[in-house]
Amino acid sequence: MEPKEREAEIISEILLKAASEPEFRNSLIRDPAAVLEMYNVSPQAKMVIKRTIIDLTQ
């Protein structure tokens, strides 16, 4: 699997987990940097996730 494909898969997993697990979602909203440090994704991927969470919570 290409690195970009793997990263897209990880982003998807994080967003699906945020959608289905309120506790994880709340942690991601409160401190996205700390939660995203647990995942091996690029800074760009982390920004995509942060923006998506912000968009979904407004």
PDB file of N, CA and C in Angstrom:
ATOM      1  N   MET A   1       0.850  -1.189   0.000  1.00  0.00           N
ATOM      2  CA  MET A   1       0.000   0.000   0.000  1.00  0.00           C
ATOM      3  C   MET A   1       0.889   1.243   0.000  1.00  0.00           C
ATOM      4  N   GLU A   2       0.511   2.200  -0.825  1.00  0.00           N
ATOM      5  CA  GLU A   2       1.240   3.463  -0.908  1.00  0.00           C
ATOM      6  C   GLU A   2       1.121   4.230   0.418  1.00  0.00           C
ATOM      7  N   PRO A   3       2.157   4.982   0.782  1.00  0.00           N
ATOM      8  CA  PRO A   3       2.078   5.769   2.029  1.00  0.00           C
ATOM      9  C   PRO A   3       0.868   6.707   2.073  1.00  0.00           C
ATOM     10  N   LYS A   4       0.551   7.348   0.951  1.00  0.00           N
ATOM     11  CA  LYS A   4      -0.606   8.267   0.937  1.00  0.00           C
ATOM     12  C   LYS A   4      -1.908   7.508   1.126  1.00  0.00           C
ATOM     13  N   GLU A   5      -1.989   6.310   0.558  1.00  0.00           N
ATOM     14  CA  GLU A   5      -3.185   5.489   0.744  1.00  0.00           C
ATOM     15  C   GLU A   5      -3.314   5.081   2.202  1.00  0.00           C
ATOM     16  N   ARG A   6      -2.206   4.697   2.802  1.00  0.00           N
ATOM     17  CA  ARG A   6      -2.217   4.298   4.216  1.00  0.00           C
ATOM     18  C   ARG A   6      -2.636   5.480   5.087  1.00  0.00           C
ATOM     19  N   GLU A   7      -2.111   6.651   4.774  1.00  0.00           N
ATOM     20  CA  GLU A   7      -2.463   7.841   5.544  1.00  0.00           C
ATOM     21  C   GLU A   7      -3.947   8.157   5.403  1.00  0.00           C
ATOM     22  N   ALA A   8      -4.484   8.038   4.197  1.00  0.00           N
ATOM     23  CA  ALA A   8      -5.915   8.275   3.981  1.00  0.00           C
ATOM     24  C   ALA A   8      -6.742   7.279   4.787  1.00  0.00           C
ATOM     25  N   GLU A   9      -6.259   6.048   4.863  1.00  0.00           N
ATOM     26  CA  GLU A   9      -6.949   5.023   5.643  1.00  0.00           C
ATOM     27  C   GLU A   9      -6.945   5.380   7.136  1.00  0.00           C
ATOM     28  N   ILE A  10      -5.832   5.873   7.632  1.00  0.00           N
ATOM     29  CA  ILE A  10      -5.728   6.267   9.043  1.00  0.00           C
ATOM     30  C   ILE A  10      -6.655   7.455   9.326  1.00  0.00           C
ATOM     31  N   ILE A  11      -6.678   8.431   8.427  1.00  0.00           N
ATOM     32  CA  ILE A  11      -7.575   9.582   8.594  1.00  0.00           C
ATOM     33  C   ILE A  11      -9.016   9.086   8.689  1.00  0.00           C
ATOM     34  N   SER A  12      -9.367   8.194   7.802  1.00  0.00           N
ATOM     35  CA  SER A  12     -10.715   7.628   7.799  1.00  0.00           C
ATOM     36  C   SER A  12     -11.031   6.929   9.116  1.00  0.00           C
ATOM     37  N   GLU A  13     -10.085   6.133   9.593  1.00  0.00           N
ATOM     38  CA  GLU A  13     -10.275   5.419  10.860  1.00  0.00           C
ATOM     39  C   GLU A  13     -10.498   6.395  12.019  1.00  0.00           C
ATOM     40  N   ILE A  14      -9.707   7.455  12.060  1.00  0.00           N
ATOM     41  CA  ILE A  14      -9.831   8.443  13.132  1.00  0.00           C
ATOM     42  C   ILE A  14     -11.199   9.120  13.080  1.00  0.00           C
ATOM     43  N   LEU A  15     -11.624   9.517  11.882  1.00  0.00           N
ATOM     44  CA  LEU A  15     -12.910  10.206  11.753  1.00  0.00           C
ATOM     45  C   LEU A  15     -14.082   9.275  12.047  1.00  0.00           C
ATOM     46  N   LEU A  16     -13.978   8.024  11.628  1.00  0.00           N
ATOM     47  CA  LEU A  16     -15.037   7.061  11.947  1.00  0.00           C
ATOM     48  C   LEU A  16     -15.105   6.810  13.448  1.00  0.00           C
ATOM     49  N   LYS A  17     -13.935   6.708  14.074  1.00  0.00           N
ATOM     50  CA  LYS A  17     -13.907   6.507  15.525  1.00  0.00           C
ATOM     51  C   LYS A  17     -14.509   7.721  16.236  1.00  0.00           C
ATOM     52  N   ALA A  18     -14.195   8.915  15.744  1.00  0.00           N
ATOM     53  CA  ALA A  18     -14.756  10.134  16.338  1.00  0.00           C
ATOM     54  C   ALA A  18     -16.274  10.162  16.174  1.00  0.00           C
ATOM     55  N   ALA A  19     -16.765   9.656  15.054  1.00  0.00           N
ATOM     56  CA  ALA A  19     -18.209   9.643  14.802  1.00  0.00           C
ATOM     57  C   ALA A  19     -18.935   8.639  15.689  1.00  0.00           C
ATOM     58  N   SER A  20     -18.268   7.543  16.019  1.00  0.00           N
ATOM     59  CA  SER A  20     -18.959   6.474  16.746  1.00  0.00           C
ATOM     60  C   SER A  20     -18.656   6.420  18.246  1.00  0.00           C
ATOM     61  N   GLU A  21     -17.606   7.117  18.679  1.00  0.00           N
ATOM     62  CA  GLU A  21     -17.230   7.066  20.093  1.00  0.00           C
ATOM     63  C   GLU A  21     -17.186   8.477  20.682  1.00  0.00           C
ATOM     64  N   PRO A  22     -18.236   8.856  21.410  1.00  0.00           N
ATOM     65  CA  PRO A  22     -18.304  10.223  21.956  1.00  0.00           C
ATOM     66  C   PRO A  22     -17.092  10.601  22.818  1.00  0.00           C
ATOM     67  N   GLU A  23     -16.575   9.674  23.591  1.00  0.00           N
ATOM     68  CA  GLU A  23     -15.436   9.994  24.463  1.00  0.00           C
ATOM     69  C   GLU A  23     -14.192  10.344  23.629  1.00  0.00           C
ATOM     70  N   PHE A  24     -13.948   9.554  22.597  1.00  0.00           N
ATOM     71  CA  PHE A  24     -12.814   9.822  21.695  1.00  0.00           C
ATOM     72  C   PHE A  24     -13.022  11.156  20.985  1.00  0.00           C
ATOM     73  N   ARG A  25     -14.235  11.395  20.497  1.00  0.00           N
ATOM     74  CA  ARG A  25     -14.558  12.648  19.804  1.00  0.00           C
ATOM     75  C   ARG A  25     -14.315  13.846  20.721  1.00  0.00           C
ATOM     76  N   ASN A  26     -14.767  13.758  21.961  1.00  0.00           N
ATOM     77  CA  ASN A  26     -14.578  14.861  22.901  1.00  0.00           C
ATOM     78  C   ASN A  26     -13.103  15.116  23.161  1.00  0.00           C
ATOM     79  N   SER A  27     -12.313  14.053  23.272  1.00  0.00           N
ATOM     80  CA  SER A  27     -10.863  14.208  23.458  1.00  0.00           C
ATOM     81  C   SER A  27     -10.245  14.886  22.249  1.00  0.00           C
ATOM     82  N   LEU A  28     -10.684  14.485  21.079  1.00  0.00           N
ATOM     83  CA  LEU A  28     -10.165  15.060  19.839  1.00  0.00           C
ATOM     84  C   LEU A  28     -10.519  16.537  19.732  1.00  0.00           C
ATOM     85  N   ILE A  29     -11.702  16.909  20.174  1.00  0.00           N
ATOM     86  CA  ILE A  29     -12.129  18.311  20.143  1.00  0.00           C
ATOM     87  C   ILE A  29     -11.343  19.126  21.171  1.00  0.00           C
ATOM     88  N   ARG A  30     -11.196  18.582  22.378  1.00  0.00           N
ATOM     89  CA  ARG A  30     -10.507  19.293  23.464  1.00  0.00           C
ATOM     90  C   ARG A  30      -9.021  19.482  23.189  1.00  0.00           C
ATOM     91  N   ASP A  31      -8.355  18.418  22.751  1.00  0.00           N
ATOM     92  CA  ASP A  31      -6.906  18.484  22.568  1.00  0.00           C
ATOM     93  C   ASP A  31      -6.482  17.643  21.366  1.00  0.00           C
ATOM     94  N   PRO A  32      -6.768  18.151  20.161  1.00  0.00           N
ATOM     95  CA  PRO A  32      -6.464  17.359  18.972  1.00  0.00           C
ATOM     96  C   PRO A  32      -4.980  17.001  18.848  1.00  0.00           C
ATOM     97  N   ALA A  33      -4.104  17.901  19.224  1.00  0.00           N
ATOM     98  CA  ALA A  33      -2.669  17.628  19.086  1.00  0.00           C
ATOM     99  C   ALA A  33      -2.262  16.400  19.907  1.00  0.00           C
ATOM    100  N   ALA A  34      -2.752  16.323  21.130  1.00  0.00           N
ATOM    101  CA  ALA A  34      -2.392  15.187  21.997  1.00  0.00           C
ATOM    102  C   ALA A  34      -2.937  13.874  21.440  1.00  0.00           C
ATOM    103  N   VAL A  35      -4.173  13.881  20.989  1.00  0.00           N
ATOM    104  CA  VAL A  35      -4.779  12.665  20.447  1.00  0.00           C
ATOM    105  C   VAL A  35      -4.065  12.254  19.167  1.00  0.00           C
ATOM    106  N   LEU A  36      -3.789  13.197  18.300  1.00  0.00           N
ATOM    107  CA  LEU A  36      -3.195  12.874  17.007  1.00  0.00           C
ATOM    108  C   LEU A  36      -1.732  12.466  17.105  1.00  0.00           C
ATOM    109  N   GLU A  37      -1.080  12.780  18.222  1.00  0.00           N
ATOM    110  CA  GLU A  37       0.298  12.320  18.425  1.00  0.00           C
ATOM    111  C   GLU A  37       0.377  10.801  18.491  1.00  0.00           C
ATOM    112  N   MET A  38      -0.739  10.146  18.810  1.00  0.00           N
ATOM    113  CA  MET A  38      -0.768   8.685  18.911  1.00  0.00           C
ATOM    114  C   MET A  38      -0.765   8.023  17.527  1.00  0.00           C
ATOM    115  N   TYR A  39      -0.967   8.821  16.489  1.00  0.00           N
ATOM    116  CA  TYR A  39      -1.068   8.281  15.136  1.00  0.00           C
ATOM    117  C   TYR A  39       0.123   8.723  14.298  1.00  0.00           C
ATOM    118  N   ASN A  40       0.599   7.823  13.476  1.00  0.00           N
ATOM    119  CA  ASN A  40       1.743   8.103  12.617  1.00  0.00           C
ATOM    120  C   ASN A  40       1.260   8.667  11.280  1.00  0.00           C
ATOM    121  N   VAL A  41       0.888   9.951  11.307  1.00  0.00           N
ATOM    122  CA  VAL A  41       0.452  10.621  10.086  1.00  0.00           C
ATOM    123  C   VAL A  41       1.188  11.951   9.957  1.00  0.00           C
ATOM    124  N   SER A  42       1.211  12.457   8.751  1.00  0.00           N
ATOM    125  CA  SER A  42       1.923  13.703   8.467  1.00  0.00           C
ATOM    126  C   SER A  42       1.222  14.899   9.113  1.00  0.00           C
ATOM    127  N   PRO A  43       1.961  15.996   9.253  1.00  0.00           N
ATOM    128  CA  PRO A  43       1.331  17.227   9.757  1.00  0.00           C
ATOM    129  C   PRO A  43       0.145  17.658   8.889  1.00  0.00           C
ATOM    130  N   GLN A  44       0.231  17.435   7.577  1.00  0.00           N
ATOM    131  CA  GLN A  44      -0.870  17.787   6.681  1.00  0.00           C
ATOM    132  C   GLN A  44      -2.113  16.967   7.010  1.00  0.00           C
ATOM    133  N   ALA A  45      -1.929  15.686   7.271  1.00  0.00           N
ATOM    134  CA  ALA A  45      -3.062  14.819   7.620  1.00  0.00           C
ATOM    135  C   ALA A  45      -3.681  15.275   8.939  1.00  0.00           C
ATOM    136  N   LYS A  46      -2.846  15.664   9.879  1.00  0.00           N
ATOM    137  CA  LYS A  46      -3.357  16.140  11.169  1.00  0.00           C
ATOM    138  C   LYS A  46      -4.193  17.402  10.977  1.00  0.00           C
ATOM    139  N   MET A  47      -3.762  18.272  10.048  1.00  0.00           N
ATOM    140  CA  MET A  47      -4.534  19.484   9.774  1.00  0.00           C
ATOM    141  C   MET A  47      -5.893  19.133   9.156  1.00  0.00           C
ATOM    142  N   VAL A  48      -5.911  18.159   8.267  1.00  0.00           N
ATOM    143  CA  VAL A  48      -7.179  17.730   7.658  1.00  0.00           C
ATOM    144  C   VAL A  48      -8.129  17.261   8.749  1.00  0.00           C
ATOM    145  N   ILE A  49      -7.626  16.466   9.666  1.00  0.00           N
ATOM    146  CA  ILE A  49      -8.455  15.933  10.747  1.00  0.00           C
ATOM    147  C   ILE A  49      -8.947  17.067  11.641  1.00  0.00           C
ATOM    148  N   LYS A  50      -8.056  17.962  12.020  1.00  0.00           N
ATOM    149  CA  LYS A  50      -8.451  19.092  12.876  1.00  0.00           C
ATOM    150  C   LYS A  50      -9.529  19.940  12.211  1.00  0.00           C
ATOM    151  N   ARG A  51      -9.331  20.241  10.915  1.00  0.00           N
ATOM    152  CA  ARG A  51     -10.314  21.058  10.191  1.00  0.00           C
ATOM    153  C   ARG A  51     -11.659  20.349  10.105  1.00  0.00           C
ATOM    154  N   THR A  52     -11.621  19.059   9.861  1.00  0.00           N
ATOM    155  CA  THR A  52     -12.861  18.293   9.749  1.00  0.00           C
ATOM    156  C   THR A  52     -13.607  18.303  11.075  1.00  0.00           C
ATOM    157  N   ILE A  53     -12.902  18.097  12.169  1.00  0.00           N
ATOM    158  CA  ILE A  53     -13.523  18.102  13.494  1.00  0.00           C
ATOM    159  C   ILE A  53     -14.107  19.483  13.791  1.00  0.00           C
ATOM    160  N   ILE A  54     -13.360  20.528  13.476  1.00  0.00           N
ATOM    161  CA  ILE A  54     -13.869  21.892  13.706  1.00  0.00           C
ATOM    162  C   ILE A  54     -15.129  22.135  12.885  1.00  0.00           C
ATOM    163  N   ASP A  55     -15.108  21.728  11.599  1.00  0.00           N
ATOM    164  CA  ASP A  55     -16.271  21.916  10.731  1.00  0.00           C
ATOM    165  C   ASP A  55     -17.483  21.162  11.267  1.00  0.00           C
ATOM    166  N   LEU A  56     -17.261  19.965  11.769  1.00  0.00           N
ATOM    167  CA  LEU A  56     -18.369  19.135  12.255  1.00  0.00           C
ATOM    168  C   LEU A  56     -18.938  19.615  13.579  1.00  0.00           C
ATOM    169  N   THR A  57     -18.174  20.384  14.326  1.00  0.00           N
ATOM    170  CA  THR A  57     -18.638  20.798  15.651  1.00  0.00           C
ATOM    171  C   THR A  57     -19.162  22.234  15.657  1.00  0.00           C
ATOM    172  N   GLN A  58     -19.221  22.872  14.506  1.00  0.00           N
ATOM    173  CA  GLN A  58     -19.751  24.248  14.471  1.00  0.00           C
ATOM    174  C   GLN A  58     -21.206  24.268  14.119  1.00  0.00           C
TER     175      GLN A  58
END
